[in-house]
């Protein structure tokens, strides 16, 4: 079956505008000209048909990979001894029971944490920042015994448990792989207050995907148990009630359920139950931290007393700020450090644009200083020259053949100084322009962005381009 010329031209135009290489465009056109392919998701899930030949299996595997199917949902991962083997195969009734129980516990703990923060968030922050690092760590260990000591304990666990084999089975460091953001180094700082506030002010459903993604190293390495498997159902993790947060929906009852699950806008039953497992420890931990910090109120029984007024997240204190106060843009390092503890769905493009604008301005100033100020240029060149390996003496005490005593050395240094200044300016300029475009597109499509449908193509392509850069 041949494809209509006008349709082929349209596909070529769309592919080229999307930045695809010529070979990928050619392959796309070739596949379309071959006519419709077998939809193996439909064949296997609804018709019960499996690939019968090597060619059909290869076609099925490619489709599954293109769709991003993971674990037991991709048939090529299932074979004797496969690390993708699900930990269990619960029935729909069992999944509903576990989801109901997990939802009730998590939402109950969230509401308790919310009540504490609404009444005492200012006192929590003041008391916590006044404590020494030693006292902070002692308190954290009380709330979470045997808490990992270092940043990213999952990487440390991987290094300790890596024996050089492809797969060594389940790890002995389950906490490190499941809750890598729960560690003494990161939380013995203001990050704990950020963590408490974000979890208290927003429902658990807002963190469901982020909590699951945090276990990525343990999941792809198969160091934590594989999630349970239930075919033909999607677990919806929405809202603030037990009826919506953990609702199991059959694909036969909702034709969009499968698409929402495979596009990761909703959850597989196994992943949803794993989210409950993760959150059932996070919220009690944060409540304990609050109780330890506010120990006097706990002992007096006045923690939830009505004498403490409920304060919203953004109090009307802006009017009391002196007009001369200038907001200092946070550094990329501070944003990165606090990212695991903030609301993940809140893509603050305006904040990012401000940071990139500051970096672009600094790069531009640096470039102009090099051009116009001989003293600044000389200081920069000398600074660069002092951080090069060819400045060091060898083991016999002899200088490098093209060390500082040669013109070749200084030519390389000056070339690197100038190249770094221009490339730095171009890099920040490109990032800043891309974020400006993202801000404009976000405003343009603000009424069309919803979890239950795909992002507009123009906005999605802009996000992917920014991600690649």
Protein backbone atom coordinates (compact mmCIF):
# COMPACT_ATOMS: atom_id res chain seq x y z
CA UNK A 1 0.00 0.00 0.00
CA UNK A 2 1.46 3.31 -1.12
CA UNK A 3 1.17 6.46 0.93
CA UNK A 4 -0.43 9.56 -0.57
CA UNK A 5 2.23 12.06 -1.76
CA UNK A 6 0.75 14.96 0.19
CA UNK A 7 0.81 12.91 3.40
CA UNK A 8 4.41 11.92 2.81
CA UNK A 9 5.38 15.57 2.27
CA UNK A 10 3.59 16.54 5.49
CA UNK A 11 5.46 13.89 7.48
CA UNK A 12 8.80 14.98 6.03
CA UNK A 13 8.06 18.61 6.92
CA UNK A 14 7.07 17.73 10.50
CA UNK A 15 10.10 15.48 10.98
CA UNK A 16 12.55 18.07 9.68
CA UNK A 17 11.03 20.82 11.81
CA UNK A 18 11.40 18.53 14.79
CA UNK A 19 15.14 18.23 14.12
CA UNK A 20 15.27 14.53 13.22
CA UNK A 21 18.35 13.28 11.31
CA UNK A 22 17.86 12.41 7.63
CA UNK A 23 18.36 8.68 8.24
CA UNK A 24 15.57 8.63 10.85
CA UNK A 25 13.26 10.53 8.50
CA UNK A 26 13.98 8.04 5.73
CA UNK A 27 13.28 5.11 8.05
CA UNK A 28 10.01 6.73 9.17
CA UNK A 29 8.82 7.17 5.59
CA UNK A 30 9.85 3.62 4.71
CA UNK A 31 7.84 2.17 7.59
CA UNK A 32 4.77 4.22 6.70
CA UNK A 33 4.95 3.14 3.05
CA UNK A 34 4.98 -0.50 4.17
CA UNK A 35 1.47 -0.05 5.50
CA UNK A 36 -0.01 -0.69 8.96
CA UNK A 37 1.94 -2.96 11.28
CA UNK A 38 0.60 -5.47 13.76
CA UNK A 39 -0.27 -3.78 17.05
CA UNK A 40 1.24 -6.32 19.42
CA UNK A 41 -0.14 -4.61 22.53
CA UNK A 42 -3.66 -5.30 21.26
CA UNK A 43 -2.79 -8.77 19.97
CA UNK A 44 -1.30 -9.93 23.28
CA UNK A 45 -3.55 -8.12 25.78
CA UNK A 46 -6.95 -8.56 24.12
CA UNK A 47 -6.59 -11.32 21.53
CA UNK A 48 -4.18 -13.51 23.47
CA UNK A 49 -1.89 -13.93 20.46
CA UNK A 50 1.88 -14.13 21.00
CA UNK A 51 4.68 -13.76 18.40
CA UNK A 52 5.19 -17.05 16.57
CA UNK A 53 8.34 -16.26 14.53
CA UNK A 54 11.66 -14.53 15.14
CA UNK A 55 10.55 -11.69 12.86
CA UNK A 56 7.30 -11.18 14.80
CA UNK A 57 9.17 -11.29 18.11
CA UNK A 58 11.68 -8.67 16.88
CA UNK A 59 8.80 -6.47 15.69
CA UNK A 60 7.02 -6.87 19.03
CA UNK A 61 10.19 -6.08 21.00
CA UNK A 62 10.81 -2.92 18.95
CA UNK A 63 7.24 -1.72 19.52
CA UNK A 64 7.51 -2.32 23.25
CA UNK A 65 10.85 -0.46 23.42
CA UNK A 66 9.47 2.44 21.37
CA UNK A 67 6.57 2.75 23.80
CA UNK A 68 8.94 2.62 26.76
CA UNK A 69 7.31 -0.43 28.33
CA UNK A 70 9.23 -1.62 31.36
CA UNK A 71 9.52 -4.68 33.52
CA UNK A 72 6.96 -7.44 33.11
CA UNK A 73 4.92 -5.29 30.71
CA UNK A 74 7.60 -5.85 28.07
CA UNK A 75 7.46 -9.56 27.12
CA UNK A 76 11.10 -9.65 26.07
CA UNK A 77 12.03 -9.18 29.75
CA UNK A 78 10.30 -12.40 30.80
CA UNK A 79 12.44 -15.53 30.64
CA UNK A 80 13.58 -18.16 33.14
CA UNK A 81 15.69 -16.53 35.84
CA UNK A 82 14.89 -13.01 34.64
CA UNK A 83 15.52 -10.24 37.19
CA UNK A 84 12.30 -8.63 35.92
CA UNK A 85 10.21 -11.44 37.41
CA UNK A 86 7.44 -9.72 39.47
CA UNK A 87 7.56 -10.15 43.23
CA UNK A 88 3.91 -11.26 43.26
CA UNK A 89 0.78 -11.64 41.12
CA UNK A 90 -2.06 -10.26 43.27
CA UNK A 91 -5.71 -10.40 42.24
CA UNK A 92 -7.70 -7.19 41.65
CA UNK A 93 -9.39 -7.71 45.01
CA UNK A 94 -6.04 -7.96 46.78
CA UNK A 95 -4.68 -4.85 45.03
CA UNK A 96 -7.79 -2.88 46.00
CA UNK A 97 -7.43 -4.01 49.61
CA UNK A 98 -3.74 -3.04 49.80
CA UNK A 99 -4.34 0.25 48.01
CA UNK A 100 -7.22 1.13 50.35
CA UNK A 101 -5.13 0.38 53.42
CA UNK A 102 -2.12 2.33 52.12
CA UNK A 103 -4.25 5.27 51.05
CA UNK A 104 -5.96 5.53 54.43
CA UNK A 105 -2.67 5.47 56.34
CA UNK A 106 -0.80 7.90 54.09
CA UNK A 107 -3.65 10.42 53.92
CA UNK A 108 -4.19 10.23 57.68
CA UNK A 109 -0.50 10.90 58.35
CA UNK A 110 -0.49 13.73 55.80
CA UNK A 111 -3.42 15.46 57.51
CA UNK A 112 -1.64 15.16 60.88
CA UNK A 113 1.52 16.70 59.42
CA UNK A 114 -0.57 19.41 57.78
CA UNK A 115 -2.16 20.38 61.11
CA UNK A 116 1.28 20.69 62.75
CA UNK A 117 2.79 22.82 60.00
CA UNK A 118 -0.25 25.09 59.68
CA UNK A 119 0.13 26.03 63.36
CA UNK A 120 3.88 25.89 63.98
CA UNK A 121 5.87 26.23 60.74
CA UNK A 122 7.66 29.40 61.87
CA UNK A 123 8.64 27.87 65.23
CA UNK A 124 9.80 24.69 63.51
CA UNK A 125 12.19 26.60 61.28
CA UNK A 126 13.54 28.87 64.02
CA UNK A 127 14.23 26.01 66.41
CA UNK A 128 15.76 23.76 63.76
CA UNK A 129 18.26 26.29 62.38
CA UNK A 130 19.42 27.13 65.92
CA UNK A 131 20.45 23.53 66.61
CA UNK A 132 24.02 22.41 66.01
CA UNK A 133 24.80 19.90 63.26
CA UNK A 134 25.48 17.27 65.93
CA UNK A 135 22.12 17.84 67.61
CA UNK A 136 20.33 17.83 64.26
CA UNK A 137 21.84 14.47 63.32
CA UNK A 138 20.98 12.98 66.71
CA UNK A 139 17.37 14.05 66.25
CA UNK A 140 17.25 12.62 62.71
CA UNK A 141 18.55 9.27 63.96
CA UNK A 142 15.88 9.23 66.63
CA UNK A 143 13.19 9.71 64.01
CA UNK A 144 14.76 7.28 61.49
CA UNK A 145 17.14 4.77 63.16
CA UNK A 146 20.18 3.74 61.09
CA UNK A 147 19.64 6.60 58.64
CA UNK A 148 22.27 6.75 55.90
CA UNK A 149 25.01 9.22 56.74
CA UNK A 150 26.08 10.55 53.32
CA UNK A 151 24.54 12.29 50.32
CA UNK A 152 23.13 9.87 47.70
CA UNK A 153 23.50 6.71 49.82
CA UNK A 154 22.20 4.64 46.89
CA UNK A 155 25.44 5.29 44.98
CA UNK A 156 27.47 4.39 48.05
CA UNK A 157 25.43 1.19 48.44
CA UNK A 158 26.06 0.39 44.78
CA UNK A 159 29.81 0.81 45.22
CA UNK A 160 29.81 -1.32 48.36
CA UNK A 161 27.69 -4.06 46.86
CA UNK A 162 29.12 -4.13 43.34
CA UNK A 163 30.99 -7.42 42.89
CA UNK A 164 31.55 -7.08 39.16
CA UNK A 165 28.71 -9.44 38.30
CA UNK A 166 25.83 -8.42 36.08
CA UNK A 167 23.27 -8.92 38.84
CA UNK A 168 23.98 -9.80 42.44
CA UNK A 169 20.39 -10.14 43.64
CA UNK A 170 18.58 -7.96 46.15
CA UNK A 171 20.75 -5.53 48.08
CA UNK A 172 21.29 -5.45 51.83
CA UNK A 173 20.93 -1.64 51.66
CA UNK A 174 17.22 -1.42 50.97
CA UNK A 175 16.69 1.92 52.74
CA UNK A 176 19.47 3.56 50.74
CA UNK A 177 17.95 2.48 47.43
CA UNK A 178 14.32 3.21 48.34
CA UNK A 179 14.79 6.53 50.16
CA UNK A 180 18.09 8.03 48.89
CA UNK A 181 16.97 11.53 49.91
CA UNK A 182 16.63 10.42 53.55
CA UNK A 183 20.20 10.92 54.79
CA UNK A 184 21.95 12.84 57.56
CA UNK A 185 24.17 14.96 55.34
CA UNK A 186 21.34 16.56 53.37
CA UNK A 187 18.71 16.78 56.10
CA UNK A 188 20.93 18.29 58.79
CA UNK A 189 20.27 21.65 57.16
CA UNK A 190 17.38 23.83 56.06
CA UNK A 191 16.38 21.03 53.65
CA UNK A 192 14.45 19.30 56.45
CA UNK A 193 12.21 22.36 56.86
CA UNK A 194 11.70 22.53 53.09
CA UNK A 195 10.86 18.80 53.15
CA UNK A 196 8.33 19.19 55.99
CA UNK A 197 6.64 22.24 54.48
CA UNK A 198 6.32 20.86 50.95
CA UNK A 199 4.90 17.53 52.15
CA UNK A 200 2.49 19.20 54.55
CA UNK A 201 1.22 21.86 52.14
CA UNK A 202 0.62 19.50 49.21
CA UNK A 203 -1.22 16.17 48.99
CA UNK A 204 0.74 12.90 48.71
CA UNK A 205 -0.48 12.43 45.15
CA UNK A 206 1.73 15.35 44.07
CA UNK A 207 4.81 13.37 45.14
CA UNK A 208 3.81 9.89 43.98
CA UNK A 209 5.82 9.88 40.75
CA UNK A 210 8.83 11.60 42.33
CA UNK A 211 8.93 9.09 45.20
CA UNK A 212 8.91 6.23 42.71
CA UNK A 213 11.52 7.84 40.46
CA UNK A 214 13.84 8.30 43.44
CA UNK A 215 14.29 4.51 43.55
CA UNK A 216 15.56 4.48 39.95
CA UNK A 217 19.06 3.15 40.68
CA UNK A 218 17.70 0.33 42.82
CA UNK A 219 14.99 -0.46 40.27
CA UNK A 220 17.10 -0.59 37.12
CA UNK A 221 19.81 -2.49 38.98
CA UNK A 222 17.21 -4.92 40.41
CA UNK A 223 18.58 -4.29 43.91
CA UNK A 224 15.06 -3.80 45.31
CA UNK A 225 12.15 -6.22 44.84
CA UNK A 226 10.31 -5.97 41.53
CA UNK A 227 6.81 -4.50 41.81
CA UNK A 228 3.76 -6.75 41.79
CA UNK A 229 2.13 -7.47 38.42
CA UNK A 230 -1.54 -7.27 37.51
CA UNK A 231 -2.39 -7.19 33.82
CA UNK A 232 -5.32 -5.18 32.48
CA UNK A 233 -5.58 -2.61 35.27
CA UNK A 234 -4.31 0.89 36.06
CA UNK A 235 -3.94 2.34 39.55
CA UNK A 236 -5.04 5.98 39.66
CA UNK A 237 -3.14 8.08 42.21
CA UNK A 238 -5.10 11.34 42.27
CA UNK A 239 -6.84 13.57 44.75
CA UNK A 240 -6.97 13.75 48.50
CA UNK A 241 -9.47 11.02 49.37
CA UNK A 242 -9.24 7.25 49.70
CA UNK A 243 -11.76 6.92 46.88
CA UNK A 244 -9.44 8.62 44.35
CA UNK A 245 -5.93 8.10 45.75
CA UNK A 246 -5.34 4.44 44.96
CA UNK A 247 -8.32 3.72 42.71
CA UNK A 248 -7.93 0.54 40.63
CA UNK A 249 -9.50 0.85 37.16
CA UNK A 250 -9.94 -1.94 34.61
CA UNK A 251 -8.94 -1.25 31.01
CA UNK A 252 -12.30 -2.69 29.97
CA UNK A 253 -14.12 -0.04 32.01
CA UNK A 254 -12.02 2.93 30.92
CA UNK A 255 -10.51 2.98 27.44
CA UNK A 256 -8.02 5.69 28.46
CA UNK A 257 -6.69 3.80 31.48
CA UNK A 258 -4.04 1.81 29.58
CA UNK A 259 -2.74 4.88 27.72
CA UNK A 260 -2.52 6.86 30.96
CA UNK A 261 -0.50 4.06 32.54
CA UNK A 262 1.89 3.44 29.64
CA UNK A 263 2.53 7.18 29.27
CA UNK A 264 3.30 7.32 33.02
CA UNK A 265 0.51 9.78 33.75
CA UNK A 266 -0.92 7.08 36.01
CA UNK A 267 0.59 3.98 37.59
CA UNK A 268 0.83 0.26 37.13
CA UNK A 269 -0.77 -1.54 40.08
CA UNK A 270 2.67 -2.70 41.23
CA UNK A 271 4.21 0.77 41.06
CA UNK A 272 1.22 2.29 42.84
CA UNK A 273 1.53 -0.17 45.73
CA UNK A 274 5.24 0.60 45.88
CA UNK A 275 4.43 4.32 46.21
CA UNK A 276 2.28 3.54 49.25
CA UNK A 277 5.13 1.49 50.74
CA UNK A 278 7.51 4.44 50.32
CA UNK A 279 5.14 7.09 51.63
CA UNK A 280 4.05 4.99 54.62
CA UNK A 281 7.53 5.64 56.06
CA UNK A 282 8.10 9.21 54.87
CA UNK A 283 5.13 10.88 56.57
CA UNK A 284 5.56 9.24 60.01
CA UNK A 285 9.24 10.23 59.87
CA UNK A 286 8.39 13.87 59.25
CA UNK A 287 5.77 13.83 62.02
CA UNK A 288 8.38 12.47 64.44
CA UNK A 289 10.82 15.21 63.44
CA UNK A 290 8.17 17.83 64.18
CA UNK A 291 7.36 16.23 67.52
CA UNK A 292 11.03 16.16 68.55
CA UNK A 293 11.50 19.81 67.58
CA UNK A 294 8.26 20.81 69.37
CA UNK A 295 8.78 18.43 72.28
CA UNK A 296 7.48 20.90 74.87
CA UNK A 297 4.16 21.25 73.07
CA UNK A 298 3.88 17.48 72.73
CA UNK A 299 4.53 16.97 76.43
CA UNK A 300 1.95 19.61 77.39
CA UNK A 301 -0.60 18.16 74.97
CA UNK A 302 -1.05 21.48 73.18
CA UNK A 303 0.44 20.58 69.81
CA UNK A 304 -2.95 20.84 68.09
CA UNK A 305 -4.40 23.43 70.43
CA UNK A 306 -6.69 26.02 68.87
CA UNK A 307 -4.76 28.77 70.64
CA UNK A 308 -2.26 28.53 67.77
CA UNK A 309 -3.75 30.18 64.68
CA UNK A 310 -3.67 28.44 61.34
CA UNK A 311 -1.30 30.31 59.00
CA UNK A 312 -1.38 29.95 55.22
CA UNK A 313 1.72 29.05 53.26
CA UNK A 314 2.16 32.57 51.89
CA UNK A 315 1.32 34.96 54.73
CA UNK A 316 0.57 38.57 53.78
CA UNK A 317 3.92 39.73 55.12
CA UNK A 318 5.14 41.20 51.86
CA UNK A 319 3.80 44.59 52.89
CA UNK A 320 6.03 44.57 55.99
CA UNK A 321 9.17 44.00 53.94
CA UNK A 322 11.26 47.14 53.56
CA UNK A 323 11.22 48.34 49.96
CA UNK A 324 15.01 48.40 49.86
CA UNK A 325 15.26 44.63 50.27
CA UNK A 326 16.48 43.02 47.05
CA UNK A 327 15.77 39.36 46.46
CA UNK A 328 18.95 37.40 45.85
CA UNK A 329 18.58 34.72 43.21
CA UNK A 330 19.43 31.26 44.62
CA UNK A 331 22.36 29.41 43.15
CA UNK A 332 22.02 26.35 40.95
CA UNK A 333 23.74 24.37 43.72
CA UNK A 334 21.13 25.31 46.32
CA UNK A 335 18.28 24.53 43.92
CA UNK A 336 19.81 21.13 43.18
CA UNK A 337 20.34 20.37 46.87
CA UNK A 338 16.74 21.18 47.80
CA UNK A 339 15.10 19.68 44.68
CA UNK A 340 14.34 16.23 46.22
CA UNK A 341 12.44 17.93 49.03
CA UNK A 342 10.37 20.44 47.06
CA UNK A 343 7.17 20.00 45.11
CA UNK A 344 8.34 18.16 41.96
CA UNK A 345 5.48 19.21 39.69
CA UNK A 346 6.18 22.90 40.27
CA UNK A 347 8.29 23.79 37.24
CA UNK A 348 9.33 27.33 38.15
CA UNK A 349 10.52 28.57 34.77
CA UNK A 350 10.55 32.19 35.90
CA UNK A 351 12.95 31.35 38.70
CA UNK A 352 15.18 29.40 36.32
CA UNK A 353 15.07 32.25 33.80
CA UNK A 354 16.28 34.64 36.49
CA UNK A 355 19.22 32.39 37.35
CA UNK A 356 20.22 31.95 33.71
CA UNK A 357 19.90 35.69 33.11
CA UNK A 358 22.32 36.31 35.98
CA UNK A 359 24.79 33.75 34.62
CA UNK A 360 24.51 35.24 31.12
CA UNK A 361 25.14 38.73 32.47
CA UNK A 362 28.21 37.50 34.38
CA UNK A 363 29.55 35.75 31.26
CA UNK A 364 29.04 38.91 29.21
CA UNK A 365 30.79 41.07 31.82
CA UNK A 366 33.69 38.61 31.92
CA UNK A 367 34.03 38.76 28.13
CA UNK A 368 34.01 42.56 28.04
CA UNK A 369 36.53 42.78 30.89
CA UNK A 370 38.91 40.53 28.96
CA UNK A 371 38.56 42.79 25.91
CA UNK A 372 38.84 46.18 27.64
CA UNK A 373 40.90 45.72 30.83
CA UNK A 374 44.53 44.59 30.28
CA UNK A 375 45.02 44.03 34.01
CA UNK A 376 41.96 41.75 34.24
CA UNK A 377 43.14 39.87 31.14
CA UNK A 378 46.61 39.36 32.63
CA UNK A 379 45.20 38.16 35.98
CA UNK A 380 42.89 35.69 34.23
CA UNK A 381 45.71 34.30 32.06
CA UNK A 382 47.99 33.87 35.09
CA UNK A 383 45.20 32.18 37.04
CA UNK A 384 44.58 29.72 34.19
CA UNK A 385 48.30 29.05 33.82
CA UNK A 386 48.59 27.99 37.45
CA UNK A 387 46.07 25.18 37.04
CA UNK A 388 47.69 23.14 34.28
CA UNK A 389 49.49 19.80 34.46
CA UNK A 390 52.23 20.95 32.09
CA UNK A 391 53.33 23.46 34.73
CA UNK A 392 54.40 20.65 37.08
CA UNK A 393 57.86 19.16 37.26
CA UNK A 394 58.37 15.49 36.49
CA UNK A 395 59.65 12.91 38.98
CA UNK A 396 63.24 13.95 38.19
CA UNK A 397 62.54 17.59 38.87
CA UNK A 398 62.69 18.59 35.22
CA UNK A 399 60.16 20.99 33.64
CA UNK A 400 57.68 19.92 31.00
CA UNK A 401 59.09 20.26 27.44
CA UNK A 402 56.42 22.85 26.67
CA UNK A 403 56.08 24.30 30.17
CA UNK A 404 55.84 27.95 31.28
CA UNK A 405 59.32 28.66 29.93
CA UNK A 406 58.06 28.22 26.35
CA UNK A 407 55.85 30.37 24.13
CA UNK A 408 53.78 27.27 23.25
CA UNK A 409 52.60 27.08 26.85
CA UNK A 410 51.33 30.68 26.93
CA UNK A 411 49.74 30.36 23.51
CA UNK A 412 47.69 27.41 24.77
CA UNK A 413 46.70 29.26 27.94
CA UNK A 414 45.59 32.42 26.10
CA UNK A 415 43.71 30.34 23.51
CA UNK A 416 41.86 28.48 26.26
CA UNK A 417 41.01 31.68 28.16
CA UNK A 418 39.47 33.30 25.10
CA UNK A 419 37.69 30.14 23.90
CA UNK A 420 36.21 29.53 27.37
CA UNK A 421 34.92 33.10 27.61
CA UNK A 422 33.15 32.97 24.24
CA UNK A 423 31.80 29.43 24.66
CA UNK A 424 30.54 30.26 28.15
CA UNK A 425 28.69 33.30 26.86
CA UNK A 426 27.17 31.35 23.96
CA UNK A 427 26.10 28.49 26.26
CA UNK A 428 24.29 30.72 28.76
CA UNK A 429 22.80 32.77 25.92
CA UNK A 430 21.36 29.63 24.31
CA UNK A 431 19.94 28.33 27.60
CA UNK A 432 18.42 31.70 28.41
CA UNK A 433 16.72 31.97 25.01
CA UNK A 434 15.34 28.44 25.32
CA UNK A 435 13.88 29.17 28.76
CA UNK A 436 12.35 32.39 27.45
CA UNK A 437 10.62 30.35 24.75
CA UNK A 438 9.44 27.79 27.33
CA UNK A 439 7.95 30.58 29.45
CA UNK A 440 6.10 31.97 26.45
CA UNK A 441 4.77 28.55 25.43
CA UNK A 442 3.74 27.69 28.98
CA UNK A 443 1.65 30.86 29.09
CA UNK A 444 0.27 30.16 25.61
CA UNK A 445 -0.91 26.64 26.49
CA UNK A 446 -1.71 27.13 30.19
CA UNK A 447 -5.34 26.13 29.64
CA UNK A 448 -4.43 22.99 27.69
CA UNK A 449 -1.89 21.44 30.07
CA UNK A 450 -3.43 18.57 32.00
CA UNK A 451 -2.23 15.19 33.24
CA UNK A 452 -4.95 13.34 31.32
CA UNK A 453 -3.71 14.43 27.90
CA UNK A 454 -0.42 14.82 26.11
CA UNK A 455 1.40 18.13 26.10
CA UNK A 456 0.89 20.29 23.00
CA UNK A 457 3.46 19.29 20.37
CA UNK A 458 5.09 22.71 20.21
CA UNK A 459 5.55 22.85 24.00
CA UNK A 460 6.74 19.24 24.22
CA UNK A 461 9.36 19.74 21.49
CA UNK A 462 10.66 22.87 23.23
CA UNK A 463 10.99 20.99 26.54
CA UNK A 464 12.84 18.11 24.85
CA UNK A 465 15.23 20.49 23.10
CA UNK A 466 16.00 22.20 26.42
CA UNK A 467 16.56 18.80 28.04
CA UNK A 468 19.01 17.80 25.30
CA UNK A 469 20.98 21.02 25.68
